[in-house]
């Protein structure tokens, strides 16, 4: 039911069984899943949504990669 939406920015799970919470978190189509909290954010963590939520990722190493263009230059040196 939680995945039956066209958006997926954040989700919250409240449980006393953390293992079960982690299993559910892995199945959610959401860019951020918080377990037993409603406000977990660090600038070193990537932030962004799934589906029609957000436009890519911000923050953290993954966020930086949004602005990078990778190029391989291979040289055969005799």
C-alpha atoms as a PDB file:
ATOM      1  CA  UNK A   1       0.000   0.000   0.000  1.00  0.00           C
ATOM      2  CA  UNK A   2       2.867   2.416   0.815  1.00  0.00           C
ATOM      3  CA  UNK A   3       4.324   1.996  -2.692  1.00  0.00           C
ATOM      4  CA  UNK A   4       0.977   2.579  -4.403  1.00  0.00           C
ATOM      5  CA  UNK A   5       1.647   6.244  -5.185  1.00  0.00           C
ATOM      6  CA  UNK A   6       3.357   8.150  -7.975  1.00  0.00           C
ATOM      7  CA  UNK A   7       5.652   9.865  -5.457  1.00  0.00           C
ATOM      8  CA  UNK A   8       8.368   8.608  -3.125  1.00  0.00           C
ATOM      9  CA  UNK A   9      10.353  11.307  -1.364  1.00  0.00           C
ATOM     10  CA  UNK A  10      10.426  10.125   2.256  1.00  0.00           C
ATOM     11  CA  UNK A  11       8.900   7.390   4.399  1.00  0.00           C
ATOM     12  CA  UNK A  12       8.763   6.757   8.127  1.00  0.00           C
ATOM     13  CA  UNK A  13       8.514   3.456   9.954  1.00  0.00           C
ATOM     14  CA  UNK A  14       7.757   3.177  13.659  1.00  0.00           C
ATOM     15  CA  UNK A  15       8.403  -0.218  15.234  1.00  0.00           C
ATOM     16  CA  UNK A  16       9.871  -1.971  18.257  1.00  0.00           C
ATOM     17  CA  UNK A  17      11.313  -4.658  15.952  1.00  0.00           C
ATOM     18  CA  UNK A  18      14.264  -2.990  14.168  1.00  0.00           C
ATOM     19  CA  UNK A  19      15.042  -6.035  11.994  1.00  0.00           C
ATOM     20  CA  UNK A  20      11.482  -5.982  10.668  1.00  0.00           C
ATOM     21  CA  UNK A  21      11.737  -2.213  10.159  1.00  0.00           C
ATOM     22  CA  UNK A  22      14.896  -2.654   8.085  1.00  0.00           C
ATOM     23  CA  UNK A  23      13.263  -5.369   5.952  1.00  0.00           C
ATOM     24  CA  UNK A  24      10.304  -3.084   5.274  1.00  0.00           C
ATOM     25  CA  UNK A  25      12.596  -0.102   4.557  1.00  0.00           C
ATOM     26  CA  UNK A  26      14.395  -2.058   1.826  1.00  0.00           C
ATOM     27  CA  UNK A  27      11.060  -2.721   0.103  1.00  0.00           C
ATOM     28  CA  UNK A  28       9.803   0.878   0.150  1.00  0.00           C
ATOM     29  CA  UNK A  29      10.062   2.897  -3.069  1.00  0.00           C
ATOM     30  CA  UNK A  30      11.263   5.992  -1.273  1.00  0.00           C
ATOM     31  CA  UNK A  31      14.441   8.049  -1.462  1.00  0.00           C
ATOM     32  CA  UNK A  32      14.682   8.385   2.325  1.00  0.00           C
ATOM     33  CA  UNK A  33      13.343   5.957   4.912  1.00  0.00           C
ATOM     34  CA  UNK A  34      13.511   6.934   8.583  1.00  0.00           C
ATOM     35  CA  UNK A  35      12.999   4.284  11.256  1.00  0.00           C
ATOM     36  CA  UNK A  36      11.646   5.500  14.606  1.00  0.00           C
ATOM     37  CA  UNK A  37      12.324   9.152  13.753  1.00  0.00           C
ATOM     38  CA  UNK A  38      10.739  11.838  11.630  1.00  0.00           C
ATOM     39  CA  UNK A  39      13.733  14.097  11.172  1.00  0.00           C
ATOM     40  CA  UNK A  40      16.980  12.425  10.195  1.00  0.00           C
ATOM     41  CA  UNK A  41      19.110  14.507   7.900  1.00  0.00           C
ATOM     42  CA  UNK A  42      22.848  15.056   7.566  1.00  0.00           C
ATOM     43  CA  UNK A  43      24.431  17.038   4.756  1.00  0.00           C
ATOM     44  CA  UNK A  44      26.798  14.137   4.085  1.00  0.00           C
ATOM     45  CA  UNK A  45      23.849  11.874   3.210  1.00  0.00           C
ATOM     46  CA  UNK A  46      22.316  11.871  -0.264  1.00  0.00           C
ATOM     47  CA  UNK A  47      18.788  13.286  -0.388  1.00  0.00           C
ATOM     48  CA  UNK A  48      16.254  12.807  -3.172  1.00  0.00           C
ATOM     49  CA  UNK A  49      13.148  10.900  -4.100  1.00  0.00           C
ATOM     50  CA  UNK A  50      11.894   8.110  -6.284  1.00  0.00           C
ATOM     51  CA  UNK A  51       9.349   8.260  -9.084  1.00  0.00           C
ATOM     52  CA  UNK A  52       7.965  11.812  -9.502  1.00  0.00           C
ATOM     53  CA  UNK A  53       9.608  13.138  -6.328  1.00  0.00           C
ATOM     54  CA  UNK A  54      12.656  15.302  -6.697  1.00  0.00           C
ATOM     55  CA  UNK A  55      15.091  15.698  -9.537  1.00  0.00           C
ATOM     56  CA  UNK A  56      18.087  13.509  -8.788  1.00  0.00           C
ATOM     57  CA  UNK A  57      20.142  13.475  -5.609  1.00  0.00           C
ATOM     58  CA  UNK A  58      21.587  16.268  -3.512  1.00  0.00           C
ATOM     59  CA  UNK A  59      24.330  16.186  -0.884  1.00  0.00           C
ATOM     60  CA  UNK A  60      26.928  13.556  -0.127  1.00  0.00           C
ATOM     61  CA  UNK A  61      29.186  11.814  -2.644  1.00  0.00           C
ATOM     62  CA  UNK A  62      26.222  10.628  -4.714  1.00  0.00           C
ATOM     63  CA  UNK A  63      24.907  14.203  -4.933  1.00  0.00           C
ATOM     64  CA  UNK A  64      28.264  15.447  -6.199  1.00  0.00           C
ATOM     65  CA  UNK A  65      28.184  12.792  -8.924  1.00  0.00           C
ATOM     66  CA  UNK A  66      25.023  14.444 -10.289  1.00  0.00           C
ATOM     67  CA  UNK A  67      27.260  17.337 -11.396  1.00  0.00           C
ATOM     68  CA  UNK A  68      30.146  15.216 -12.689  1.00  0.00           C
ATOM     69  CA  UNK A  69      30.704  13.831 -16.145  1.00  0.00           C
ATOM     70  CA  UNK A  70      33.011  10.836 -16.140  1.00  0.00           C
ATOM     71  CA  UNK A  71      35.439  10.322 -18.985  1.00  0.00           C
ATOM     72  CA  UNK A  72      37.962   7.559 -19.614  1.00  0.00           C
ATOM     73  CA  UNK A  73      41.005   8.355 -21.711  1.00  0.00           C
ATOM     74  CA  UNK A  74      42.940   5.244 -22.721  1.00  0.00           C
ATOM     75  CA  UNK A  75      46.429   5.653 -24.162  1.00  0.00           C
ATOM     76  CA  UNK A  76      48.547   2.893 -25.670  1.00  0.00           C
ATOM     77  CA  UNK A  77      52.123   3.879 -25.027  1.00  0.00           C
ATOM     78  CA  UNK A  78      54.697   2.051 -27.190  1.00  0.00           C
END
